[in-house]
PDB file of N, CA and C in Angstrom:
ATOM      1  N   UNK A   1      75.351  77.870  63.681  1.00  0.00           N
ATOM      2  CA  UNK A   1      75.119  78.901  64.695  1.00  0.00           C
ATOM      3  C   UNK A   1      73.840  79.662  64.355  1.00  0.00           C
ATOM      4  N   UNK A   2      73.164  80.124  65.352  1.00  0.00           N
ATOM      5  CA  UNK A   2      71.912  80.858  65.147  1.00  0.00           C
ATOM      6  C   UNK A   2      72.167  82.122  64.343  1.00  0.00           C
ATOM      7  N   UNK A   3      71.130  82.629  63.723  1.00  0.00           N
ATOM      8  CA  UNK A   3      71.222  83.874  62.976  1.00  0.00           C
ATOM      9  C   UNK A   3      71.527  85.002  63.956  1.00  0.00           C
ATOM     10  N   UNK A   4      72.677  85.625  63.794  1.00  0.00           N
ATOM     11  CA  UNK A   4      73.111  86.648  64.740  1.00  0.00           C
ATOM     12  C   UNK A   4      72.660  88.049  64.341  1.00  0.00           C
ATOM     13  N   UNK A   5      72.247  88.217  63.112  1.00  0.00           N
ATOM     14  CA  UNK A   5      71.847  89.549  62.660  1.00  0.00           C
ATOM     15  C   UNK A   5      70.573  89.979  63.388  1.00  0.00           C
ATOM     16  N   UNK A   6      70.618  91.156  63.947  1.00  0.00           N
ATOM     17  CA  UNK A   6      69.454  91.690  64.631  1.00  0.00           C
ATOM     18  C   UNK A   6      69.352  91.274  66.089  1.00  0.00           C
ATOM     19  N   UNK A   7      70.226  90.397  66.559  1.00  0.00           N
ATOM     20  CA  UNK A   7      70.207  89.998  67.960  1.00  0.00           C
ATOM     21  C   UNK A   7      70.659  91.168  68.825  1.00  0.00           C
ATOM     22  N   UNK A   8      70.007  91.338  69.967  1.00  0.00           N
ATOM     23  CA  UNK A   8      70.460  92.369  70.899  1.00  0.00           C
ATOM     24  C   UNK A   8      71.763  91.907  71.518  1.00  0.00           C
ATOM     25  N   UNK A   9      72.748  92.762  71.456  1.00  0.00           N
ATOM     26  CA  UNK A   9      74.095  92.373  71.862  1.00  0.00           C
ATOM     27  C   UNK A   9      74.706  93.423  72.777  1.00  0.00           C
ATOM     28  N   UNK A  10      75.784  93.023  73.429  1.00  0.00           N
ATOM     29  CA  UNK A  10      76.575  93.929  74.250  1.00  0.00           C
ATOM     30  C   UNK A  10      78.009  93.917  73.741  1.00  0.00           C
ATOM     31  N   UNK A  11      78.595  95.105  73.716  1.00  0.00           N
ATOM     32  CA  UNK A  11      79.939  95.297  73.189  1.00  0.00           C
ATOM     33  C   UNK A  11      80.816  95.970  74.239  1.00  0.00           C
ATOM     34  N   UNK A  12      82.111  95.813  74.078  1.00  0.00           N
ATOM     35  CA  UNK A  12      83.077  96.529  74.912  1.00  0.00           C
ATOM     36  C   UNK A  12      82.852  98.028  74.716  1.00  0.00           C
ATOM     37  N   UNK A  13      82.774  98.764  75.809  1.00  0.00           N
ATOM     38  CA  UNK A  13      82.509 100.205  75.720  1.00  0.00           C
ATOM     39  C   UNK A  13      83.653 100.954  75.047  1.00  0.00           C
ATOM     40  N   UNK A  14      84.847 100.370  75.079  1.00  0.00           N
ATOM     41  CA  UNK A  14      86.019 101.068  74.584  1.00  0.00           C
ATOM     42  C   UNK A  14      86.218 100.892  73.076  1.00  0.00           C
ATOM     43  N   UNK A  15      86.033  99.657  72.576  1.00  0.00           N
ATOM     44  CA  UNK A  15      86.353  99.390  71.172  1.00  0.00           C
ATOM     45  C   UNK A  15      85.183  98.821  70.360  1.00  0.00           C
ATOM     46  N   UNK A  16      84.033  98.615  71.000  1.00  0.00           N
ATOM     47  CA  UNK A  16      82.824  98.108  70.343  1.00  0.00           C
ATOM     48  C   UNK A  16      82.923  96.645  69.909  1.00  0.00           C
ATOM     49  N   UNK A  17      83.874  95.897  70.446  1.00  0.00           N
ATOM     50  CA  UNK A  17      84.004  94.470  70.164  1.00  0.00           C
ATOM     51  C   UNK A  17      82.807  93.732  70.779  1.00  0.00           C
ATOM     52  N   UNK A  18      82.138  92.886  70.019  1.00  0.00           N
ATOM     53  CA  UNK A  18      80.997  92.105  70.502  1.00  0.00           C
ATOM     54  C   UNK A  18      81.468  91.141  71.594  1.00  0.00           C
ATOM     55  N   UNK A  19      80.825  91.201  72.780  1.00  0.00           N
ATOM     56  CA  UNK A  19      81.240  90.323  73.878  1.00  0.00           C
ATOM     57  C   UNK A  19      80.129  89.436  74.434  1.00  0.00           C
ATOM     58  N   UNK A  20      78.859  89.770  74.182  1.00  0.00           N
ATOM     59  CA  UNK A  20      77.772  88.948  74.728  1.00  0.00           C
ATOM     60  C   UNK A  20      76.448  89.293  74.049  1.00  0.00           C
ATOM     61  N   UNK A  21      75.503  88.337  74.152  1.00  0.00           N
ATOM     62  CA  UNK A  21      74.152  88.556  73.647  1.00  0.00           C
ATOM     63  C   UNK A  21      73.165  88.689  74.799  1.00  0.00           C
ATOM     64  N   UNK A  22      72.163  89.523  74.588  1.00  0.00           N
ATOM     65  CA  UNK A  22      71.128  89.763  75.594  1.00  0.00           C
ATOM     66  C   UNK A  22      70.462  88.459  76.049  1.00  0.00           C
ATOM     67  N   UNK A  23      70.241  87.549  75.127  1.00  0.00           N
ATOM     68  CA  UNK A  23      69.571  86.285  75.463  1.00  0.00           C
ATOM     69  C   UNK A  23      70.367  85.428  76.438  1.00  0.00           C
ATOM     70  N   UNK A  24      71.658  85.723  76.614  1.00  0.00           N
ATOM     71  CA  UNK A  24      72.499  84.958  77.529  1.00  0.00           C
ATOM     72  C   UNK A  24      72.559  85.559  78.928  1.00  0.00           C
ATOM     73  N   UNK A  25      71.790  86.620  79.183  1.00  0.00           N
ATOM     74  CA  UNK A  25      71.748  87.205  80.531  1.00  0.00           C
ATOM     75  C   UNK A  25      70.976  86.268  81.451  1.00  0.00           C
ATOM     76  N   UNK A  26      71.614  85.901  82.559  1.00  0.00           N
ATOM     77  CA  UNK A  26      70.976  85.087  83.592  1.00  0.00           C
ATOM     78  C   UNK A  26      70.326  85.998  84.627  1.00  0.00           C
ATOM     79  N   UNK A  27      71.009  87.105  84.966  1.00  0.00           N
ATOM     80  CA  UNK A  27      70.500  88.036  85.971  1.00  0.00           C
ATOM     81  C   UNK A  27      71.107  89.420  85.766  1.00  0.00           C
ATOM     82  N   UNK A  28      70.297  90.433  86.049  1.00  0.00           N
ATOM     83  CA  UNK A  28      70.768  91.821  86.028  1.00  0.00           C
ATOM     84  C   UNK A  28      70.923  92.369  87.449  1.00  0.00           C
ATOM     85  N   UNK A  29      70.789  91.508  88.428  1.00  0.00           N
ATOM     86  CA  UNK A  29      70.773  91.931  89.834  1.00  0.00           C
ATOM     87  C   UNK A  29      72.088  91.695  90.563  1.00  0.00           C
ATOM     88  N   UNK A  30      73.199  91.884  89.884  1.00  0.00           N
ATOM     89  CA  UNK A  30      74.495  91.684  90.522  1.00  0.00           C
ATOM     90  C   UNK A  30      75.160  93.018  90.786  1.00  0.00           C
ATOM     91  N   UNK A  31      76.024  93.017  91.789  1.00  0.00           N
ATOM     92  CA  UNK A  31      76.742  94.214  92.197  1.00  0.00           C
ATOM     93  C   UNK A  31      78.234  93.939  92.086  1.00  0.00           C
ATOM     94  N   UNK A  32      78.940  94.806  91.372  1.00  0.00           N
ATOM     95  CA  UNK A  32      80.400  94.742  91.303  1.00  0.00           C
ATOM     96  C   UNK A  32      80.946  95.915  92.114  1.00  0.00           C
ATOM     97  N   UNK A  33      82.242  95.977  92.243  1.00  0.00           N
ATOM     98  CA  UNK A  33      82.836  97.040  93.066  1.00  0.00           C
ATOM     99  C   UNK A  33      82.538  98.432  92.522  1.00  0.00           C
ATOM    100  N   UNK A  34      82.285  98.538  91.220  1.00  0.00           N
ATOM    101  CA  UNK A  34      82.029  99.841  90.604  1.00  0.00           C
ATOM    102  C   UNK A  34      80.573 100.039  90.181  1.00  0.00           C
ATOM    103  N   UNK A  35      79.666  99.231  90.713  1.00  0.00           N
ATOM    104  CA  UNK A  35      78.257  99.412  90.380  1.00  0.00           C
ATOM    105  C   UNK A  35      77.607  98.128  89.889  1.00  0.00           C
ATOM    106  N   UNK A  36      76.498  98.294  89.166  1.00  0.00           N
ATOM    107  CA  UNK A  36      75.721  97.151  88.698  1.00  0.00           C
ATOM    108  C   UNK A  36      76.494  96.300  87.709  1.00  0.00           C
ATOM    109  N   UNK A  37      76.102  95.022  87.672  1.00  0.00           N
ATOM    110  CA  UNK A  37      76.731  94.081  86.752  1.00  0.00           C
ATOM    111  C   UNK A  37      75.693  93.048  86.323  1.00  0.00           C
ATOM    112  N   UNK A  38      75.934  92.431  85.176  1.00  0.00           N
ATOM    113  CA  UNK A  38      75.047  91.409  84.642  1.00  0.00           C
ATOM    114  C   UNK A  38      75.750  90.058  84.694  1.00  0.00           C
ATOM    115  N   UNK A  39      75.000  89.015  85.017  1.00  0.00           N
ATOM    116  CA  UNK A  39      75.507  87.643  84.991  1.00  0.00           C
ATOM    117  C   UNK A  39      75.088  87.024  83.662  1.00  0.00           C
ATOM    118  N   UNK A  40      76.072  86.560  82.884  1.00  0.00           N
ATOM    119  CA  UNK A  40      75.838  85.951  81.576  1.00  0.00           C
ATOM    120  C   UNK A  40      76.201  84.472  81.612  1.00  0.00           C
ATOM    121  N   UNK A  41      75.434  83.663  80.878  1.00  0.00           N
ATOM    122  CA  UNK A  41      75.762  82.246  80.761  1.00  0.00           C
ATOM    123  C   UNK A  41      76.902  82.023  79.765  1.00  0.00           C
ATOM    124  N   UNK A  42      77.022  82.896  78.771  1.00  0.00           N
ATOM    125  CA  UNK A  42      78.068  82.794  77.748  1.00  0.00           C
ATOM    126  C   UNK A  42      78.577  84.186  77.399  1.00  0.00           C
ATOM    127  N   UNK A  43      79.826  84.249  77.005  1.00  0.00           N
ATOM    128  CA  UNK A  43      80.402  85.474  76.447  1.00  0.00           C
ATOM    129  C   UNK A  43      81.231  85.070  75.234  1.00  0.00           C
ATOM    130  N   UNK A  44      81.765  86.054  74.531  1.00  0.00           N
ATOM    131  CA  UNK A  44      82.622  85.784  73.376  1.00  0.00           C
ATOM    132  C   UNK A  44      83.652  86.892  73.249  1.00  0.00           C
ATOM    133  N   UNK A  45      84.690  86.617  72.492  1.00  0.00           N
ATOM    134  CA  UNK A  45      85.729  87.614  72.223  1.00  0.00           C
ATOM    135  C   UNK A  45      86.333  88.187  73.498  1.00  0.00           C
ATOM    136  N   UNK A  46      86.556  87.287  74.456  1.00  0.00           N
ATOM    137  CA  UNK A  46      87.187  87.693  75.714  1.00  0.00           C
ATOM    138  C   UNK A  46      88.419  86.822  75.958  1.00  0.00           C
ATOM    139  N   UNK A  47      89.287  87.306  76.804  1.00  0.00           N
ATOM    140  CA  UNK A  47      90.475  86.578  77.244  1.00  0.00           C
ATOM    141  C   UNK A  47      90.365  86.420  78.752  1.00  0.00           C
ATOM    142  N   UNK A  48      90.655  85.219  79.231  1.00  0.00           N
ATOM    143  CA  UNK A  48      90.632  84.964  80.676  1.00  0.00           C
ATOM    144  C   UNK A  48      91.992  85.246  81.292  1.00  0.00           C
ATOM    145  N   UNK A  49      91.982  85.915  82.433  1.00  0.00           N
ATOM    146  CA  UNK A  49      93.190  86.108  83.209  1.00  0.00           C
ATOM    147  C   UNK A  49      93.434  84.879  84.083  1.00  0.00           C
ATOM    148  N   UNK A  50      94.441  84.933  84.934  1.00  0.00           N
ATOM    149  CA  UNK A  50      94.738  83.802  85.823  1.00  0.00           C
ATOM    150  C   UNK A  50      93.642  83.608  86.877  1.00  0.00           C
ATOM    151  N   UNK A  51      93.468  82.380  87.291  1.00  0.00           N
ATOM    152  CA  UNK A  51      92.505  82.055  88.349  1.00  0.00           C
ATOM    153  C   UNK A  51      93.040  82.546  89.688  1.00  0.00           C
ATOM    154  N   UNK A  52      92.123  83.024  90.520  1.00  0.00           N
ATOM    155  CA  UNK A  52      92.503  83.422  91.879  1.00  0.00           C
ATOM    156  C   UNK A  52      91.290  83.302  92.790  1.00  0.00           C
ATOM    157  N   UNK A  53      91.543  83.036  94.061  1.00  0.00           N
ATOM    158  CA  UNK A  53      90.467  83.034  95.043  1.00  0.00           C
ATOM    159  C   UNK A  53      90.188  84.478  95.434  1.00  0.00           C
ATOM    160  N   UNK A  54      88.894  84.824  95.478  1.00  0.00           N
ATOM    161  CA  UNK A  54      88.494  86.194  95.793  1.00  0.00           C
ATOM    162  C   UNK A  54      87.298  86.148  96.737  1.00  0.00           C
ATOM    163  N   UNK A  55      87.386  86.926  97.804  1.00  0.00           N
ATOM    164  CA  UNK A  55      86.269  87.057  98.738  1.00  0.00           C
ATOM    165  C   UNK A  55      85.308  88.096  98.176  1.00  0.00           C
ATOM    166  N   UNK A  56      84.122  87.651  97.788  1.00  0.00           N
ATOM    167  CA  UNK A  56      83.104  88.535  97.237  1.00  0.00           C
ATOM    168  C   UNK A  56      81.975  88.690  98.250  1.00  0.00           C
ATOM    169  N   UNK A  57      80.994  89.517  97.938  1.00  0.00           N
ATOM    170  CA  UNK A  57      79.880  89.765  98.849  1.00  0.00           C
ATOM    171  C   UNK A  57      79.211  88.464  99.269  1.00  0.00           C
ATOM    172  N   UNK A  58      79.109  87.506  98.330  1.00  0.00           N
ATOM    173  CA  UNK A  58      78.407  86.243  98.585  1.00  0.00           C
ATOM    174  C   UNK A  58      79.326  85.112  99.020  1.00  0.00           C
ATOM    175  N   UNK A  59      80.560  85.423  99.380  1.00  0.00           N
ATOM    176  CA  UNK A  59      81.459  84.395  99.890  1.00  0.00           C
ATOM    177  C   UNK A  59      82.701  84.216  99.023  1.00  0.00           C
ATOM    178  N   UNK A  60      83.466  83.191  99.346  1.00  0.00           N
ATOM    179  CA  UNK A  60      84.719  82.905  98.655  1.00  0.00           C
ATOM    180  C   UNK A  60      84.438  82.205  97.331  1.00  0.00           C
ATOM    181  N   UNK A  61      85.065  82.702  96.262  1.00  0.00           N
ATOM    182  CA  UNK A  61      84.936  82.118  94.930  1.00  0.00           C
ATOM    183  C   UNK A  61      86.324  82.066  94.282  1.00  0.00           C
ATOM    184  N   UNK A  62      86.526  81.094  93.394  1.00  0.00           N
ATOM    185  CA  UNK A  62      87.671  81.119  92.493  1.00  0.00           C
ATOM    186  C   UNK A  62      87.168  81.776  91.217  1.00  0.00           C
ATOM    187  N   UNK A  63      87.844  82.834  90.796  1.00  0.00           N
ATOM    188  CA  UNK A  63      87.421  83.605  89.629  1.00  0.00           C
ATOM    189  C   UNK A  63      88.618  83.862  88.724  1.00  0.00           C
ATOM    190  N   UNK A  64      88.323  84.259  87.499  1.00  0.00           N
ATOM    191  CA  UNK A  64      89.346  84.723  86.559  1.00  0.00           C
ATOM    192  C   UNK A  64      88.807  85.994  85.923  1.00  0.00           C
ATOM    193  N   UNK A  65      89.572  87.065  85.966  1.00  0.00           N
ATOM    194  CA  UNK A  65      89.140  88.305  85.325  1.00  0.00           C
ATOM    195  C   UNK A  65      89.009  88.068  83.826  1.00  0.00           C
ATOM    196  N   UNK A  66      88.060  88.785  83.194  1.00  0.00           N
ATOM    197  CA  UNK A  66      87.878  88.675  81.750  1.00  0.00           C
ATOM    198  C   UNK A  66      88.192  90.013  81.102  1.00  0.00           C
ATOM    199  N   UNK A  67      88.853  89.927  79.946  1.00  0.00           N
ATOM    200  CA  UNK A  67      89.322  91.095  79.223  1.00  0.00           C
ATOM    201  C   UNK A  67      88.831  91.044  77.781  1.00  0.00           C
ATOM    202  N   UNK A  68      88.564  92.187  77.198  1.00  0.00           N
ATOM    203  CA  UNK A  68      88.201  92.274  75.786  1.00  0.00           C
ATOM    204  C   UNK A  68      89.360  91.741  74.956  1.00  0.00           C
ATOM    205  N   UNK A  69      89.059  90.870  73.986  1.00  0.00           N
ATOM    206  CA  UNK A  69      90.121  90.277  73.173  1.00  0.00           C
ATOM    207  C   UNK A  69      90.714  91.271  72.175  1.00  0.00           C
ATOM    208  N   UNK A  70      90.025  92.381  71.908  1.00  0.00           N
ATOM    209  CA  UNK A  70      90.564  93.368  70.962  1.00  0.00           C
ATOM    210  C   UNK A  70      91.415  94.435  71.644  1.00  0.00           C
ATOM    211  N   UNK A  71      90.873  95.061  72.695  1.00  0.00           N
ATOM    212  CA  UNK A  71      91.597  96.192  73.291  1.00  0.00           C
ATOM    213  C   UNK A  71      92.213  95.881  74.656  1.00  0.00           C
ATOM    214  N   UNK A  72      91.857  94.737  75.262  1.00  0.00           N
ATOM    215  CA  UNK A  72      92.437  94.358  76.544  1.00  0.00           C
ATOM    216  C   UNK A  72      91.779  94.969  77.762  1.00  0.00           C
ATOM    217  N   UNK A  73      90.684  95.705  77.571  1.00  0.00           N
ATOM    218  CA  UNK A  73      89.973  96.324  78.702  1.00  0.00           C
ATOM    219  C   UNK A  73      89.400  95.250  79.617  1.00  0.00           C
ATOM    220  N   UNK A  74      89.594  95.403  80.926  1.00  0.00           N
ATOM    221  CA  UNK A  74      88.981  94.478  81.887  1.00  0.00           C
ATOM    222  C   UNK A  74      87.480  94.754  81.928  1.00  0.00           C
ATOM    223  N   UNK A  75      86.679  93.697  81.733  1.00  0.00           N
ATOM    224  CA  UNK A  75      85.227  93.856  81.652  1.00  0.00           C
ATOM    225  C   UNK A  75      84.482  93.253  82.828  1.00  0.00           C
ATOM    226  N   UNK A  76      85.108  92.338  83.541  1.00  0.00           N
ATOM    227  CA  UNK A  76      84.447  91.653  84.645  1.00  0.00           C
ATOM    228  C   UNK A  76      85.230  90.417  85.034  1.00  0.00           C
ATOM    229  N   UNK A  77      84.512  89.318  85.339  1.00  0.00           N
ATOM    230  CA  UNK A  77      85.189  88.083  85.728  1.00  0.00           C
ATOM    231  C   UNK A  77      84.333  86.868  85.412  1.00  0.00           C
ATOM    232  N   UNK A  78      84.979  85.718  85.413  1.00  0.00           N
ATOM    233  CA  UNK A  78      84.300  84.439  85.248  1.00  0.00           C
ATOM    234  C   UNK A  78      84.359  83.704  86.575  1.00  0.00           C
ATOM    235  N   UNK A  79      83.226  83.139  86.989  1.00  0.00           N
ATOM    236  CA  UNK A  79      83.191  82.298  88.179  1.00  0.00           C
ATOM    237  C   UNK A  79      83.702  80.902  87.795  1.00  0.00           C
ATOM    238  N   UNK A  80      84.796  80.503  88.387  1.00  0.00           N
ATOM    239  CA  UNK A  80      85.349  79.175  88.139  1.00  0.00           C
ATOM    240  C   UNK A  80      84.793  78.184  89.163  1.00  0.00           C
ATOM    241  N   UNK A  81      84.824  78.582  90.439  1.00  0.00           N
ATOM    242  CA  UNK A  81      84.343  77.715  91.510  1.00  0.00           C
ATOM    243  C   UNK A  81      83.711  78.547  92.611  1.00  0.00           C
ATOM    244  N   UNK A  82      82.600  78.045  93.121  1.00  0.00           N
ATOM    245  CA  UNK A  82      81.941  78.658  94.282  1.00  0.00           C
ATOM    246  C   UNK A  82      82.075  77.686  95.446  1.00  0.00           C
ATOM    247  N   UNK A  83      82.464  78.174  96.598  1.00  0.00           N
ATOM    248  CA  UNK A  83      82.670  77.302  97.758  1.00  0.00           C
ATOM    249  C   UNK A  83      81.402  77.118  98.583  1.00  0.00           C
ATOM    250  N   UNK A  84      80.464  78.050  98.464  1.00  0.00           N
ATOM    251  CA  UNK A  84      79.191  77.951  99.174  1.00  0.00           C
ATOM    252  C   UNK A  84      78.201  77.186  98.291  1.00  0.00           C
ATOM    253  N   UNK A  85      77.503  76.235  98.857  1.00  0.00           N
ATOM    254  CA  UNK A  85      76.554  75.424  98.084  1.00  0.00           C
ATOM    255  C   UNK A  85      75.501  76.285  97.378  1.00  0.00           C
ATOM    256  N   UNK A  86      75.040  77.326  98.039  1.00  0.00           N
ATOM    257  CA  UNK A  86      73.993  78.172  97.453  1.00  0.00           C
ATOM    258  C   UNK A  86      74.499  79.020  96.282  1.00  0.00           C
ATOM    259  N   UNK A  87      75.798  79.068  96.082  1.00  0.00           N
ATOM    260  CA  UNK A  87      76.385  79.892  95.025  1.00  0.00           C
ATOM    261  C   UNK A  87      76.875  79.073  93.828  1.00  0.00           C
ATOM    262  N   UNK A  88      76.710  77.753  93.876  1.00  0.00           N
ATOM    263  CA  UNK A  88      77.213  76.856  92.821  1.00  0.00           C
ATOM    264  C   UNK A  88      76.642  77.180  91.442  1.00  0.00           C
ATOM    265  N   UNK A  89      75.441  77.767  91.382  1.00  0.00           N
ATOM    266  CA  UNK A  89      74.814  78.078  90.094  1.00  0.00           C
ATOM    267  C   UNK A  89      75.643  79.070  89.271  1.00  0.00           C
ATOM    268  N   UNK A  90      76.547  79.804  89.915  1.00  0.00           N
ATOM    269  CA  UNK A  90      77.377  80.795  89.227  1.00  0.00           C
ATOM    270  C   UNK A  90      78.553  80.170  88.485  1.00  0.00           C
ATOM    271  N   UNK A  91      78.914  78.962  88.832  1.00  0.00           N
ATOM    272  CA  UNK A  91      80.102  78.332  88.250  1.00  0.00           C
ATOM    273  C   UNK A  91      79.992  78.276  86.725  1.00  0.00           C
ATOM    274  N   UNK A  92      81.069  78.708  86.061  1.00  0.00           N
ATOM    275  CA  UNK A  92      81.107  78.713  84.606  1.00  0.00           C
ATOM    276  C   UNK A  92      80.435  79.912  83.961  1.00  0.00           C
ATOM    277  N   UNK A  93      79.875  80.812  84.765  1.00  0.00           N
ATOM    278  CA  UNK A  93      79.183  81.992  84.237  1.00  0.00           C
ATOM    279  C   UNK A  93      80.071  83.232  84.383  1.00  0.00           C
ATOM    280  N   UNK A  94      79.647  84.293  83.727  1.00  0.00           N
ATOM    281  CA  UNK A  94      80.455  85.502  83.603  1.00  0.00           C
ATOM    282  C   UNK A  94      79.729  86.717  84.170  1.00  0.00           C
ATOM    283  N   UNK A  95      80.464  87.562  84.853  1.00  0.00           N
ATOM    284  CA  UNK A  95      79.988  88.881  85.267  1.00  0.00           C
ATOM    285  C   UNK A  95      80.610  89.911  84.336  1.00  0.00           C
ATOM    286  N   UNK A  96      79.754  90.741  83.728  1.00  0.00           N
ATOM    287  CA  UNK A  96      80.237  91.893  82.963  1.00  0.00           C
ATOM    288  C   UNK A  96      79.680  93.136  83.635  1.00  0.00           C
ATOM    289  N   UNK A  97      80.582  94.051  83.982  1.00  0.00           N
ATOM    290  CA  UNK A  97      80.155  95.272  84.662  1.00  0.00           C
ATOM    291  C   UNK A  97      79.401  96.170  83.685  1.00  0.00           C
ATOM    292  N   UNK A  98      78.257  96.673  84.128  1.00  0.00           N
ATOM    293  CA  UNK A  98      77.361  97.426  83.256  1.00  0.00           C
ATOM    294  C   UNK A  98      78.061  98.628  82.623  1.00  0.00           C
ATOM    295  N   UNK A  99      78.893  99.324  83.365  1.00  0.00           N
ATOM    296  CA  UNK A  99      79.527 100.521  82.810  1.00  0.00           C
ATOM    297  C   UNK A  99      80.644 100.197  81.824  1.00  0.00           C
ATOM    298  N   UNK A 100      81.011  98.909  81.693  1.00  0.00           N
ATOM    299  CA  UNK A 100      82.066  98.496  80.767  1.00  0.00           C
ATOM    300  C   UNK A 100      81.527  97.952  79.445  1.00  0.00           C
ATOM    301  N   UNK A 101      80.192  97.853  79.336  1.00  0.00           N
ATOM    302  CA  UNK A 101      79.595  97.327  78.106  1.00  0.00           C
ATOM    303  C   UNK A 101      78.522  98.285  77.602  1.00  0.00           C
ATOM    304  N   UNK A 102      78.318  98.282  76.283  1.00  0.00           N
ATOM    305  CA  UNK A 102      77.302  99.105  75.657  1.00  0.00           C
ATOM    306  C   UNK A 102      76.454  98.218  74.752  1.00  0.00           C
ATOM    307  N   UNK A 103      75.224  98.621  74.538  1.00  0.00           N
ATOM    308  CA  UNK A 103      74.346  97.860  73.642  1.00  0.00           C
ATOM    309  C   UNK A 103      74.795  98.055  72.200  1.00  0.00           C
ATOM    310  N   UNK A 104      74.698  96.971  71.451  1.00  0.00           N
ATOM    311  CA  UNK A 104      75.020  97.012  70.028  1.00  0.00           C
ATOM    312  C   UNK A 104      74.125  96.055  69.298  1.00  0.00           C
ATOM    313  N   UNK A 105      74.409  95.794  68.061  1.00  0.00           N
ATOM    314  CA  UNK A 105      73.661  94.811  67.276  1.00  0.00           C
ATOM    315  C   UNK A 105      74.619  93.725  66.813  1.00  0.00           C
ATOM    316  N   UNK A 106      74.131  92.464  66.947  1.00  0.00           N
ATOM    317  CA  UNK A 106      74.959  91.312  66.601  1.00  0.00           C
ATOM    318  C   UNK A 106      75.178  91.170  65.152  1.00  0.00           C
TER     319      UNK A 106
END
């Protein structure tokens, strides 16, 4: 695994559990129900909830909510399937709501 020391990271706002690295951000231009959100290619130390179909701003998607593996706080969701062809790039990626994560060091 790459040297994680000094990497810019994001942690759960509640318990400071490491959940993602800055280098894995695909986009900062996402909107969640409670404000801005980041799209990540990878996350860590999370638990996936059950899959469900959800109507989002960009159409129907199958998603699973993601929770911090330490404290159980809901942090966002994972895109499992996108039904619109233009949204397929989101499949397998994660949304973390900006107000649910804080910057930390890896």
